[in-house]
Amino acid sequence: MVSGNAGRGGPQRRVRPTIEDVAAEAGVSRGTVSRVLNGGVNVSPTALAAVNNAIKHTGYVVNHHARSLVTQRSQSIAFILSEPQEKFFEDPNFPILLRGCTQALAEHDMPLLLSIAGGAEDRGRVLRFIAAGHIDGALLVSTHAGNPVVDQLSELGVPAVACGTPLGHEHELAYVSINEAEGARQATAHLIGIGRRRIATLTGPMDTPGGRDRLTGYRDALASARLPQDADLVAHGDYTQFSGEAAMAELLERRPDLDAVFVASDLMAVGAMAALSRAGRAVPRDVAVVGFDDSPSALAARPQLTTVRQPWPRISREMVRLLLARLDGQEPEPVILPTELVVRASA
């Protein structure tokens, strides 16, 4: 008995192009096509261009399952966010970073898998998935000091790259960071430069590099200007808008005479501005505000927020570059990128 699809007059199944079809189209050997598919090592520019054109012309699609059987690689990367799930949707920086890393890996035909590991149960689930061999490497985002994920990935032999300085693992883990302290110093120096003298700060969590180093930069700027460092002008948040609003209310209660505030994230700065408005304090007339990140929140704020810009597209590209280098056996290395102060209406 013959099925309808296979019989005469039935629809013909499209034959999937093979690596031999690509080789024939390009006029090269099967081995040359294989080398192109595996990174283009020892392939001339002419042959590389011919193979890539042949792939497009034939519609050839790499069979990742077959390749993984040979290479023992999954050809997939995990994007591990060590925060509760709701923070991924609240903080615009995480989707921006995810999109940039996804685009950078797409150039190498490698998918990126979002993994939320904000608590012990989620971490266990993610690590079991990784231990089963489903990913080749990991991009670590918002990893707090003491987070066991770094050690457990190391035990599994999974290469990883962190976004931000991995506190406690600076010498054994590749990472891409901005110059946190210098960005905070520039922000605080700007507030000093416009005549503010009672400058407060809202920090991020002190078990993160941004929380620690942005506070250091704030203090360095005050010291350079010979301004007193007052513990009552320092409050802490967790990078969320709610925590910024609460911390700003706390500062106003302790020091109602403050005339400026450097905030360690744009979301917290938006929350701080809401607290200032509720207290009848105008921005920037009564209190000047500077944030950090240059996220979409900075432009949406009213007045628009003066902030420290992080180069998110470059951070994404560098993270992927370092991870691919680790997959090729290269030693881990740090990359430190500069920030830029963006002056708008809030200060």
C-alpha atoms as a PDB file:
ATOM      1  CA  MET A   1       0.000   0.000   0.000  1.00  0.00           C
ATOM      2  CA  VAL A   2       1.391   3.364  -1.027  1.00  0.00           C
ATOM      3  CA  SER A   3       0.709   6.517   1.009  1.00  0.00           C
ATOM      4  CA  GLY A   4      -0.946   9.465  -0.656  1.00  0.00           C
ATOM      5  CA  ASN A   5       2.129  11.629  -0.229  1.00  0.00           C
ATOM      6  CA  ALA A   6       4.379   9.124  -1.913  1.00  0.00           C
ATOM      7  CA  GLY A   7       2.061   8.040  -4.719  1.00  0.00           C
ATOM      8  CA  ARG A   8       1.793   9.433  -8.200  1.00  0.00           C
ATOM      9  CA  GLY A   9       0.107  12.814  -8.261  1.00  0.00           C
ATOM     10  CA  GLY A  10       0.549  13.380  -4.537  1.00  0.00           C
ATOM     11  CA  PRO A  11       2.576  16.290  -3.144  1.00  0.00           C
ATOM     12  CA  GLN A  12       6.302  15.709  -3.400  1.00  0.00           C
ATOM     13  CA  ARG A  13       8.355  16.009  -0.223  1.00  0.00           C
ATOM     14  CA  ARG A  14      11.148  18.559  -0.603  1.00  0.00           C
ATOM     15  CA  VAL A  15      14.542  16.899  -0.355  1.00  0.00           C
ATOM     16  CA  ARG A  16      16.666  18.556   2.316  1.00  0.00           C
ATOM     17  CA  PRO A  17      19.972  19.848   0.871  1.00  0.00           C
ATOM     18  CA  THR A  18      23.068  18.065   2.152  1.00  0.00           C
ATOM     19  CA  ILE A  19      26.656  19.067   2.795  1.00  0.00           C
ATOM     20  CA  GLU A  20      27.517  17.350  -0.523  1.00  0.00           C
ATOM     21  CA  ASP A  21      25.065  19.683  -2.308  1.00  0.00           C
ATOM     22  CA  VAL A  22      26.793  22.681  -0.766  1.00  0.00           C
ATOM     23  CA  ALA A  23      30.217  21.360  -1.799  1.00  0.00           C
ATOM     24  CA  ALA A  24      29.055  20.801  -5.369  1.00  0.00           C
ATOM     25  CA  GLU A  25      27.485  24.255  -5.561  1.00  0.00           C
ATOM     26  CA  ALA A  26      30.630  25.904  -4.187  1.00  0.00           C
ATOM     27  CA  GLY A  27      33.046  23.816  -6.249  1.00  0.00           C
ATOM     28  CA  VAL A  28      34.989  22.696  -3.174  1.00  0.00           C
ATOM     29  CA  SER A  29      35.480  19.469  -1.257  1.00  0.00           C
ATOM     30  CA  ARG A  30      33.158  18.177   1.451  1.00  0.00           C
ATOM     31  CA  GLY A  31      35.983  18.675   3.944  1.00  0.00           C
ATOM     32  CA  THR A  32      36.232  22.373   3.073  1.00  0.00           C
ATOM     33  CA  VAL A  33      32.511  22.822   3.726  1.00  0.00           C
ATOM     34  CA  SER A  34      32.896  20.996   7.047  1.00  0.00           C
ATOM     35  CA  ARG A  35      35.753  23.293   8.091  1.00  0.00           C
ATOM     36  CA  VAL A  36      33.647  26.349   7.243  1.00  0.00           C
ATOM     37  CA  LEU A  37      30.764  25.022   9.334  1.00  0.00           C
ATOM     38  CA  ASN A  38      33.134  24.460  12.243  1.00  0.00           C
ATOM     39  CA  GLY A  39      34.620  27.947  12.332  1.00  0.00           C
ATOM     40  CA  GLY A  40      36.429  28.471   9.017  1.00  0.00           C
ATOM     41  CA  VAL A  41      39.893  27.461  10.260  1.00  0.00           C
ATOM     42  CA  ASN A  42      42.413  26.838   7.433  1.00  0.00           C
ATOM     43  CA  VAL A  43      39.947  27.954   4.757  1.00  0.00           C
ATOM     44  CA  SER A  44      40.944  30.556   2.174  1.00  0.00           C
ATOM     45  CA  PRO A  45      38.823  33.722   1.905  1.00  0.00           C
ATOM     46  CA  THR A  46      37.770  32.703  -1.615  1.00  0.00           C
ATOM     47  CA  ALA A  47      36.606  29.255  -0.525  1.00  0.00           C
ATOM     48  CA  LEU A  48      34.895  30.703   2.555  1.00  0.00           C
ATOM     49  CA  ALA A  49      32.900  33.133   0.420  1.00  0.00           C
ATOM     50  CA  ALA A  50      31.994  30.384  -2.061  1.00  0.00           C
ATOM     51  CA  VAL A  51      30.733  28.064   0.679  1.00  0.00           C
ATOM     52  CA  ASN A  52      28.708  30.762   2.392  1.00  0.00           C
ATOM     53  CA  ASN A  53      27.109  31.730  -0.923  1.00  0.00           C
ATOM     54  CA  ALA A  54      26.356  28.065  -1.642  1.00  0.00           C
ATOM     55  CA  ILE A  55      24.719  27.652   1.770  1.00  0.00           C
ATOM     56  CA  LYS A  56      22.414  30.572   1.026  1.00  0.00           C
ATOM     57  CA  HIS A  57      21.672  29.371  -2.519  1.00  0.00           C
ATOM     58  CA  THR A  58      20.900  25.761  -1.568  1.00  0.00           C
ATOM     59  CA  GLY A  59      19.074  26.599   1.652  1.00  0.00           C
ATOM     60  CA  TYR A  60      21.293  24.213   3.612  1.00  0.00           C
ATOM     61  CA  VAL A  61      20.573  24.133   7.365  1.00  0.00           C
ATOM     62  CA  VAL A  62      23.098  22.783   9.835  1.00  0.00           C
ATOM     63  CA  ASN A  63      21.944  19.601  11.579  1.00  0.00           C
ATOM     64  CA  HIS A  64      22.947  20.531  15.124  1.00  0.00           C
ATOM     65  CA  HIS A  65      21.960  17.120  16.520  1.00  0.00           C
ATOM     66  CA  ALA A  66      24.235  15.301  14.098  1.00  0.00           C
ATOM     67  CA  ARG A  67      27.045  17.767  14.730  1.00  0.00           C
ATOM     68  CA  SER A  68      26.722  17.386  18.500  1.00  0.00           C
ATOM     69  CA  LEU A  69      27.170  13.627  18.210  1.00  0.00           C
ATOM     70  CA  VAL A  70      30.547  14.249  16.601  1.00  0.00           C
ATOM     71  CA  THR A  71      31.756  17.294  18.541  1.00  0.00           C
ATOM     72  CA  GLN A  72      30.159  16.415  21.903  1.00  0.00           C
ATOM     73  CA  ARG A  73      28.831  19.966  21.964  1.00  0.00           C
ATOM     74  CA  SER A  74      25.238  21.122  22.190  1.00  0.00           C
ATOM     75  CA  GLN A  75      25.915  24.373  20.288  1.00  0.00           C
ATOM     76  CA  SER A  76      23.740  26.184  22.872  1.00  0.00           C
ATOM     77  CA  ILE A  77      24.561  28.796  25.506  1.00  0.00           C
ATOM     78  CA  ALA A  78      22.744  29.612  28.756  1.00  0.00           C
ATOM     79  CA  PHE A  79      21.991  33.171  29.877  1.00  0.00           C
ATOM     80  CA  ILE A  80      21.762  32.711  33.655  1.00  0.00           C
ATOM     81  CA  LEU A  81      20.085  35.571  35.515  1.00  0.00           C
ATOM     82  CA  SER A  82      20.546  35.336  39.279  1.00  0.00           C
ATOM     83  CA  GLU A  83      17.476  37.416  40.115  1.00  0.00           C
ATOM     84  CA  PRO A  84      13.775  36.669  40.722  1.00  0.00           C
ATOM     85  CA  GLN A  85      11.737  36.316  37.532  1.00  0.00           C
ATOM     86  CA  GLU A  86       9.840  39.577  38.062  1.00  0.00           C
ATOM     87  CA  LYS A  87      13.084  41.558  37.973  1.00  0.00           C
ATOM     88  CA  PHE A  88      13.739  40.413  34.413  1.00  0.00           C
ATOM     89  CA  PHE A  89      10.524  42.108  33.325  1.00  0.00           C
ATOM     90  CA  GLU A  90      10.902  45.183  35.532  1.00  0.00           C
ATOM     91  CA  ASP A  91      14.524  46.092  34.826  1.00  0.00           C
ATOM     92  CA  PRO A  92      14.986  47.114  31.160  1.00  0.00           C
ATOM     93  CA  ASN A  93      18.733  46.420  31.290  1.00  0.00           C
ATOM     94  CA  PHE A  94      18.271  42.641  31.394  1.00  0.00           C
ATOM     95  CA  PRO A  95      16.222  42.337  28.162  1.00  0.00           C
ATOM     96  CA  ILE A  96      18.639  44.729  26.425  1.00  0.00           C
ATOM     97  CA  LEU A  97      21.591  42.562  27.442  1.00  0.00           C
ATOM     98  CA  LEU A  98      19.764  39.361  26.503  1.00  0.00           C
ATOM     99  CA  ARG A  99      18.898  40.732  23.066  1.00  0.00           C
ATOM    100  CA  GLY A 100      22.481  41.854  22.433  1.00  0.00           C
ATOM    101  CA  CYS A 101      23.952  38.488  23.433  1.00  0.00           C
ATOM    102  CA  THR A 102      21.348  36.646  21.361  1.00  0.00           C
ATOM    103  CA  GLN A 103      22.237  38.692  18.283  1.00  0.00           C
ATOM    104  CA  ALA A 104      25.980  38.196  18.810  1.00  0.00           C
ATOM    105  CA  LEU A 105      25.592  34.417  19.164  1.00  0.00           C
ATOM    106  CA  ALA A 106      23.258  34.248  16.151  1.00  0.00           C
ATOM    107  CA  GLU A 107      26.232  35.222  14.003  1.00  0.00           C
ATOM    108  CA  HIS A 108      27.737  31.885  15.073  1.00  0.00           C
ATOM    109  CA  ASP A 109      24.453  29.981  14.650  1.00  0.00           C
ATOM    110  CA  MET A 110      24.241  29.333  18.396  1.00  0.00           C
ATOM    111  CA  PRO A 111      20.960  29.753  20.329  1.00  0.00           C
ATOM    112  CA  LEU A 112      20.832  31.427  23.737  1.00  0.00           C
ATOM    113  CA  LEU A 113      18.632  29.940  26.459  1.00  0.00           C
ATOM    114  CA  LEU A 114      17.270  32.246  29.169  1.00  0.00           C
ATOM    115  CA  SER A 115      17.611  30.635  32.610  1.00  0.00           C
ATOM    116  CA  ILE A 116      16.219  32.333  35.723  1.00  0.00           C
ATOM    117  CA  ALA A 117      18.146  31.286  38.838  1.00  0.00           C
ATOM    118  CA  GLY A 118      16.930  33.688  41.497  1.00  0.00           C
ATOM    119  CA  GLY A 119      16.539  31.179  44.312  1.00  0.00           C
ATOM    120  CA  ALA A 120      17.839  27.816  45.482  1.00  0.00           C
ATOM    121  CA  GLU A 121      15.077  25.814  43.771  1.00  0.00           C
ATOM    122  CA  ASP A 122      15.546  27.621  40.453  1.00  0.00           C
ATOM    123  CA  ARG A 123      19.338  27.266  40.684  1.00  0.00           C
ATOM    124  CA  GLY A 124      19.018  23.536  41.244  1.00  0.00           C
ATOM    125  CA  ARG A 125      16.752  23.158  38.226  1.00  0.00           C
ATOM    126  CA  VAL A 126      19.091  25.168  35.985  1.00  0.00           C
ATOM    127  CA  LEU A 127      22.180  23.307  37.160  1.00  0.00           C
ATOM    128  CA  ARG A 128      20.550  19.902  36.593  1.00  0.00           C
ATOM    129  CA  PHE A 129      19.748  20.988  33.046  1.00  0.00           C
ATOM    130  CA  ILE A 130      23.351  22.083  32.523  1.00  0.00           C
ATOM    131  CA  ALA A 131      24.778  18.920  34.089  1.00  0.00           C
ATOM    132  CA  ALA A 132      22.780  16.890  31.549  1.00  0.00           C
ATOM    133  CA  GLY A 133      24.934  18.408  28.808  1.00  0.00           C
ATOM    134  CA  HIS A 134      22.350  20.696  27.225  1.00  0.00           C
ATOM    135  CA  ILE A 135      24.626  23.752  27.007  1.00  0.00           C
ATOM    136  CA  ASP A 136      28.281  24.400  26.174  1.00  0.00           C
ATOM    137  CA  GLY A 137      28.819  27.594  28.167  1.00  0.00           C
ATOM    138  CA  ALA A 138      27.104  30.192  30.311  1.00  0.00           C
ATOM    139  CA  LEU A 139      26.735  33.955  30.456  1.00  0.00           C
ATOM    140  CA  LEU A 140      26.242  34.980  34.093  1.00  0.00           C
ATOM    141  CA  VAL A 141      24.197  38.107  34.807  1.00  0.00           C
ATOM    142  CA  SER A 142      23.657  39.878  38.146  1.00  0.00           C
ATOM    143  CA  THR A 143      25.618  37.287  40.092  1.00  0.00           C
ATOM    144  CA  HIS A 144      25.813  38.220  43.772  1.00  0.00           C
ATOM    145  CA  ALA A 145      28.836  37.492  45.954  1.00  0.00           C
ATOM    146  CA  GLY A 146      28.601  34.002  47.416  1.00  0.00           C
ATOM    147  CA  ASN A 147      26.272  32.711  44.695  1.00  0.00           C
ATOM    148  CA  PRO A 148      27.069  28.968  44.363  1.00  0.00           C
ATOM    149  CA  VAL A 149      26.395  28.909  40.605  1.00  0.00           C
ATOM    150  CA  VAL A 150      29.957  29.975  39.759  1.00  0.00           C
ATOM    151  CA  ASP A 151      31.548  27.170  41.784  1.00  0.00           C
ATOM    152  CA  GLN A 152      29.089  24.585  40.523  1.00  0.00           C
ATOM    153  CA  LEU A 153      29.663  25.514  36.882  1.00  0.00           C
ATOM    154  CA  SER A 154      33.386  25.194  37.510  1.00  0.00           C
ATOM    155  CA  GLU A 155      32.871  21.713  39.008  1.00  0.00           C
ATOM    156  CA  LEU A 156      30.875  20.728  35.924  1.00  0.00           C
ATOM    157  CA  GLY A 157      33.644  22.029  33.653  1.00  0.00           C
ATOM    158  CA  VAL A 158      31.312  24.509  31.950  1.00  0.00           C
ATOM    159  CA  PRO A 159      33.048  27.694  30.695  1.00  0.00           C
ATOM    160  CA  ALA A 160      31.369  30.881  31.868  1.00  0.00           C
ATOM    161  CA  VAL A 161      31.643  34.645  31.447  1.00  0.00           C
ATOM    162  CA  ALA A 162      30.187  37.099  33.946  1.00  0.00           C
ATOM    163  CA  CYS A 163      28.589  40.470  33.303  1.00  0.00           C
ATOM    164  CA  GLY A 164      30.237  42.600  35.961  1.00  0.00           C
ATOM    165  CA  THR A 165      33.126  41.765  38.243  1.00  0.00           C
ATOM    166  CA  PRO A 166      32.428  38.333  39.804  1.00  0.00           C
ATOM    167  CA  LEU A 167      33.143  39.159  43.445  1.00  0.00           C
ATOM    168  CA  GLY A 168      35.362  36.462  44.928  1.00  0.00           C
ATOM    169  CA  HIS A 169      36.152  34.959  41.516  1.00  0.00           C
ATOM    170  CA  GLU A 170      37.969  37.839  39.827  1.00  0.00           C
ATOM    171  CA  HIS A 171      41.071  35.776  39.022  1.00  0.00           C
ATOM    172  CA  GLU A 172      39.519  32.571  37.695  1.00  0.00           C
ATOM    173  CA  LEU A 173      36.461  33.730  35.758  1.00  0.00           C
ATOM    174  CA  ALA A 174      36.303  35.727  32.535  1.00  0.00           C
ATOM    175  CA  TYR A 175      34.143  38.821  32.853  1.00  0.00           C
ATOM    176  CA  VAL A 176      33.082  42.041  31.167  1.00  0.00           C
ATOM    177  CA  SER A 177      32.618  45.036  33.407  1.00  0.00           C
ATOM    178  CA  ILE A 178      32.347  48.762  33.186  1.00  0.00           C
ATOM    179  CA  ASN A 179      34.504  51.049  35.293  1.00  0.00           C
ATOM    180  CA  GLU A 180      31.856  51.280  37.997  1.00  0.00           C
ATOM    181  CA  ALA A 181      33.796  53.515  40.382  1.00  0.00           C
ATOM    182  CA  GLU A 182      34.843  55.976  37.673  1.00  0.00           C
ATOM    183  CA  GLY A 183      31.274  56.290  36.381  1.00  0.00           C
ATOM    184  CA  ALA A 184      30.026  57.048  39.886  1.00  0.00           C
ATOM    185  CA  ARG A 185      32.864  59.498  40.452  1.00  0.00           C
ATOM    186  CA  GLN A 186      31.933  61.377  37.256  1.00  0.00           C
ATOM    187  CA  ALA A 187      28.269  61.511  38.297  1.00  0.00           C
ATOM    188  CA  THR A 188      29.049  62.844  41.764  1.00  0.00           C
ATOM    189  CA  ALA A 189      31.637  65.295  40.426  1.00  0.00           C
ATOM    190  CA  HIS A 190      28.966  66.659  38.062  1.00  0.00           C
ATOM    191  CA  LEU A 191      26.691  67.346  41.028  1.00  0.00           C
ATOM    192  CA  ILE A 192      29.547  69.081  42.820  1.00  0.00           C
ATOM    193  CA  GLY A 193      30.287  71.065  39.665  1.00  0.00           C
ATOM    194  CA  ILE A 194      26.771  72.511  39.526  1.00  0.00           C
ATOM    195  CA  GLY A 195      27.125  73.788  43.075  1.00  0.00           C
ATOM    196  CA  ARG A 196      25.549  71.039  45.187  1.00  0.00           C
ATOM    197  CA  ARG A 197      27.196  70.339  48.532  1.00  0.00           C
ATOM    198  CA  ARG A 198      24.865  68.073  50.525  1.00  0.00           C
ATOM    199  CA  ILE A 199      24.953  65.152  48.122  1.00  0.00           C
ATOM    200  CA  ALA A 200      23.348  61.854  49.088  1.00  0.00           C
ATOM    201  CA  THR A 201      23.587  58.480  47.387  1.00  0.00           C
ATOM    202  CA  LEU A 202      21.280  55.497  46.950  1.00  0.00           C
ATOM    203  CA  THR A 203      23.420  52.381  46.466  1.00  0.00           C
ATOM    204  CA  GLY A 204      22.633  49.029  44.946  1.00  0.00           C
ATOM    205  CA  PRO A 205      23.014  45.793  46.938  1.00  0.00           C
ATOM    206  CA  MET A 206      26.423  45.677  48.587  1.00  0.00           C
ATOM    207  CA  ASP A 207      27.005  42.070  47.490  1.00  0.00           C
ATOM    208  CA  THR A 208      27.108  43.212  43.847  1.00  0.00           C
ATOM    209  CA  PRO A 209      29.988  45.007  42.099  1.00  0.00           C
ATOM    210  CA  GLY A 210      27.701  47.905  41.169  1.00  0.00           C
ATOM    211  CA  GLY A 211      26.592  48.386  44.747  1.00  0.00           C
ATOM    212  CA  ARG A 212      30.115  48.278  46.116  1.00  0.00           C
ATOM    213  CA  ASP A 213      32.086  50.144  43.459  1.00  0.00           C
ATOM    214  CA  ARG A 214      29.557  52.905  42.736  1.00  0.00           C
ATOM    215  CA  LEU A 215      29.599  53.764  46.429  1.00  0.00           C
ATOM    216  CA  THR A 216      33.414  53.889  46.251  1.00  0.00           C
ATOM    217  CA  GLY A 217      33.268  56.304  43.298  1.00  0.00           C
ATOM    218  CA  TYR A 218      30.803  58.552  45.124  1.00  0.00           C
ATOM    219  CA  ARG A 219      33.082  58.694  48.149  1.00  0.00           C
ATOM    220  CA  ASP A 220      36.169  59.351  46.002  1.00  0.00           C
ATOM    221  CA  ALA A 221      34.480  62.366  44.389  1.00  0.00           C
ATOM    222  CA  LEU A 222      33.504  63.807  47.767  1.00  0.00           C
ATOM    223  CA  ALA A 223      37.046  63.316  49.060  1.00  0.00           C
ATOM    224  CA  SER A 224      38.548  65.018  45.978  1.00  0.00           C
ATOM    225  CA  ALA A 225      36.296  68.040  46.584  1.00  0.00           C
ATOM    226  CA  ARG A 226      37.088  68.002  50.317  1.00  0.00           C
ATOM    227  CA  LEU A 227      33.423  67.511  51.170  1.00  0.00           C
ATOM    228  CA  PRO A 228      32.503  65.665  54.386  1.00  0.00           C
ATOM    229  CA  GLN A 229      31.311  62.061  54.150  1.00  0.00           C
ATOM    230  CA  ASP A 230      28.143  61.686  56.174  1.00  0.00           C
ATOM    231  CA  ALA A 231      26.695  58.215  56.788  1.00  0.00           C
ATOM    232  CA  ASP A 232      23.236  59.808  57.056  1.00  0.00           C
ATOM    233  CA  LEU A 233      23.489  60.684  53.346  1.00  0.00           C
ATOM    234  CA  VAL A 234      23.846  57.024  52.312  1.00  0.00           C
ATOM    235  CA  ALA A 235      20.879  54.658  51.850  1.00  0.00           C
ATOM    236  CA  HIS A 236      20.634  51.269  50.164  1.00  0.00           C
ATOM    237  CA  GLY A 237      18.298  49.742  47.592  1.00  0.00           C
ATOM    238  CA  ASP A 238      18.103  46.706  45.311  1.00  0.00           C
ATOM    239  CA  TYR A 239      17.999  48.420  41.881  1.00  0.00           C
ATOM    240  CA  THR A 240      14.163  48.405  41.802  1.00  0.00           C
ATOM    241  CA  GLN A 241      11.954  51.474  41.517  1.00  0.00           C
ATOM    242  CA  PHE A 242      10.178  50.611  44.768  1.00  0.00           C
ATOM    243  CA  SER A 243      13.455  50.413  46.703  1.00  0.00           C
ATOM    244  CA  GLY A 244      14.556  53.778  45.288  1.00  0.00           C
ATOM    245  CA  GLU A 245      11.347  55.411  46.433  1.00  0.00           C
ATOM    246  CA  ALA A 246      11.633  53.909  49.926  1.00  0.00           C
ATOM    247  CA  ALA A 247      15.325  54.780  50.293  1.00  0.00           C
ATOM    248  CA  MET A 248      14.750  58.368  49.159  1.00  0.00           C
ATOM    249  CA  ALA A 249      11.987  58.802  51.738  1.00  0.00           C
ATOM    250  CA  GLU A 250      14.389  57.472  54.360  1.00  0.00           C
ATOM    251  CA  LEU A 251      17.078  59.971  53.310  1.00  0.00           C
ATOM    252  CA  LEU A 252      14.664  62.902  53.385  1.00  0.00           C
ATOM    253  CA  GLU A 253      13.641  61.968  56.894  1.00  0.00           C
ATOM    254  CA  ARG A 254      17.270  61.806  58.042  1.00  0.00           C
ATOM    255  CA  ARG A 255      18.619  64.742  56.046  1.00  0.00           C
ATOM    256  CA  PRO A 256      15.856  67.052  54.786  1.00  0.00           C
ATOM    257  CA  ASP A 257      18.535  69.603  53.843  1.00  0.00           C
ATOM    258  CA  LEU A 258      20.094  67.403  51.108  1.00  0.00           C
ATOM    259  CA  ASP A 259      20.333  69.163  47.740  1.00  0.00           C
ATOM    260  CA  ALA A 260      21.409  66.348  45.393  1.00  0.00           C
ATOM    261  CA  VAL A 261      21.423  62.565  45.112  1.00  0.00           C
ATOM    262  CA  PHE A 262      23.446  60.147  43.027  1.00  0.00           C
ATOM    263  CA  VAL A 263      21.421  56.975  42.486  1.00  0.00           C
ATOM    264  CA  ALA A 264      23.023  53.663  41.493  1.00  0.00           C
ATOM    265  CA  SER A 265      20.386  52.795  38.868  1.00  0.00           C
ATOM    266  CA  ASP A 266      17.906  54.637  36.686  1.00  0.00           C
ATOM    267  CA  LEU A 267      14.969  52.626  38.028  1.00  0.00           C
ATOM    268  CA  MET A 268      15.851  53.583  41.591  1.00  0.00           C
ATOM    269  CA  ALA A 269      16.298  57.191  40.451  1.00  0.00           C
ATOM    270  CA  VAL A 270      12.738  57.196  39.046  1.00  0.00           C
ATOM    271  CA  GLY A 271      11.531  55.934  42.412  1.00  0.00           C
ATOM    272  CA  ALA A 272      13.601  58.591  44.184  1.00  0.00           C
ATOM    273  CA  MET A 273      12.047  61.319  42.025  1.00  0.00           C
ATOM    274  CA  ALA A 274       8.566  60.058  42.948  1.00  0.00           C
ATOM    275  CA  ALA A 275       9.444  60.324  46.649  1.00  0.00           C
ATOM    276  CA  LEU A 276      10.847  63.825  46.138  1.00  0.00           C
ATOM    277  CA  SER A 277       7.688  64.915  44.322  1.00  0.00           C
ATOM    278  CA  ARG A 278       5.516  63.526  47.092  1.00  0.00           C
ATOM    279  CA  ALA A 279       7.606  65.492  49.618  1.00  0.00           C
ATOM    280  CA  GLY A 280       7.125  68.710  47.621  1.00  0.00           C
ATOM    281  CA  ARG A 281      10.754  68.859  46.464  1.00  0.00           C
ATOM    282  CA  ALA A 282      11.256  69.966  42.847  1.00  0.00           C
ATOM    283  CA  VAL A 283      13.862  68.325  40.595  1.00  0.00           C
ATOM    284  CA  PRO A 284      16.365  69.815  39.896  1.00  0.00           C
ATOM    285  CA  ARG A 285      15.588  73.120  41.640  1.00  0.00           C
ATOM    286  CA  ASP A 286      15.522  71.712  45.174  1.00  0.00           C
ATOM    287  CA  VAL A 287      17.267  68.376  44.645  1.00  0.00           C
ATOM    288  CA  ALA A 288      19.370  67.445  41.607  1.00  0.00           C
ATOM    289  CA  VAL A 289      19.249  63.759  40.623  1.00  0.00           C
ATOM    290  CA  VAL A 290      21.730  61.633  38.652  1.00  0.00           C
ATOM    291  CA  GLY A 291      21.085  57.977  37.810  1.00  0.00           C
ATOM    292  CA  PHE A 292      23.146  55.148  36.363  1.00  0.00           C
ATOM    293  CA  ASP A 293      22.640  52.941  33.240  1.00  0.00           C
ATOM    294  CA  ASP A 294      21.033  55.260  30.645  1.00  0.00           C
ATOM    295  CA  SER A 295      18.141  52.824  30.334  1.00  0.00           C
ATOM    296  CA  PRO A 296      14.802  53.688  28.676  1.00  0.00           C
ATOM    297  CA  SER A 297      13.662  54.784  32.161  1.00  0.00           C
ATOM    298  CA  ALA A 298      16.033  57.760  31.971  1.00  0.00           C
ATOM    299  CA  LEU A 299      14.300  59.176  28.900  1.00  0.00           C
ATOM    300  CA  ALA A 300      10.814  58.395  30.200  1.00  0.00           C
ATOM    301  CA  ALA A 301      11.435  60.223  33.491  1.00  0.00           C
ATOM    302  CA  ARG A 302      10.108  63.754  33.994  1.00  0.00           C
ATOM    303  CA  PRO A 303      12.345  65.667  33.988  1.00  0.00           C
ATOM    304  CA  GLN A 304      14.550  63.464  31.843  1.00  0.00           C
ATOM    305  CA  LEU A 305      17.315  61.910  33.874  1.00  0.00           C
ATOM    306  CA  THR A 306      20.990  62.829  33.851  1.00  0.00           C
ATOM    307  CA  THR A 307      22.714  59.458  34.057  1.00  0.00           C
ATOM    308  CA  VAL A 308      25.830  57.361  33.475  1.00  0.00           C
ATOM    309  CA  ARG A 309      25.610  55.419  30.210  1.00  0.00           C
ATOM    310  CA  GLN A 310      26.625  51.774  30.102  1.00  0.00           C
ATOM    311  CA  PRO A 311      27.675  50.588  26.598  1.00  0.00           C
ATOM    312  CA  TRP A 312      25.249  47.674  26.475  1.00  0.00           C
ATOM    313  CA  PRO A 313      25.841  46.634  22.819  1.00  0.00           C
ATOM    314  CA  ARG A 314      29.588  46.441  23.375  1.00  0.00           C
ATOM    315  CA  ILE A 315      29.143  44.622  26.701  1.00  0.00           C
ATOM    316  CA  SER A 316      27.048  41.966  24.920  1.00  0.00           C
ATOM    317  CA  ARG A 317      29.559  41.510  22.103  1.00  0.00           C
ATOM    318  CA  GLU A 318      32.513  41.272  24.485  1.00  0.00           C
ATOM    319  CA  MET A 319      30.760  38.696  26.674  1.00  0.00           C
ATOM    320  CA  VAL A 320      30.084  36.483  23.674  1.00  0.00           C
ATOM    321  CA  ARG A 321      33.622  36.964  22.343  1.00  0.00           C
ATOM    322  CA  LEU A 322      35.153  35.937  25.660  1.00  0.00           C
ATOM    323  CA  LEU A 323      32.892  32.910  25.968  1.00  0.00           C
ATOM    324  CA  LEU A 324      33.706  31.667  22.466  1.00  0.00           C
ATOM    325  CA  ALA A 325      37.384  32.098  23.318  1.00  0.00           C
ATOM    326  CA  ARG A 326      36.891  30.019  26.467  1.00  0.00           C
ATOM    327  CA  LEU A 327      35.151  27.313  24.412  1.00  0.00           C
ATOM    328  CA  ASP A 328      38.253  27.262  22.204  1.00  0.00           C
ATOM    329  CA  GLY A 329      40.435  26.658  25.262  1.00  0.00           C
ATOM    330  CA  GLN A 330      41.760  30.157  25.862  1.00  0.00           C
ATOM    331  CA  GLU A 331      42.452  31.390  29.378  1.00  0.00           C
ATOM    332  CA  PRO A 332      39.864  33.624  31.108  1.00  0.00           C
ATOM    333  CA  GLU A 333      40.431  37.357  30.914  1.00  0.00           C
ATOM    334  CA  PRO A 334      38.703  40.517  32.143  1.00  0.00           C
ATOM    335  CA  VAL A 335      37.477  43.346  29.934  1.00  0.00           C
ATOM    336  CA  ILE A 336      36.822  46.733  31.554  1.00  0.00           C
ATOM    337  CA  LEU A 337      34.837  49.243  29.492  1.00  0.00           C
ATOM    338  CA  PRO A 338      34.430  53.005  30.008  1.00  0.00           C
ATOM    339  CA  THR A 339      31.188  54.780  30.856  1.00  0.00           C
ATOM    340  CA  GLU A 340      29.849  58.141  29.698  1.00  0.00           C
ATOM    341  CA  LEU A 341      28.012  60.824  31.636  1.00  0.00           C
ATOM    342  CA  VAL A 342      24.845  61.922  29.795  1.00  0.00           C
ATOM    343  CA  VAL A 343      23.583  65.306  31.022  1.00  0.00           C
ATOM    344  CA  ARG A 344      19.843  65.938  30.834  1.00  0.00           C
ATOM    345  CA  ALA A 345      17.338  68.033  32.762  1.00  0.00           C
ATOM    346  CA  SER A 346      17.407  66.394  36.221  1.00  0.00           C
ATOM    347  CA  ALA A 347      20.874  67.768  37.137  1.00  0.00           C
END
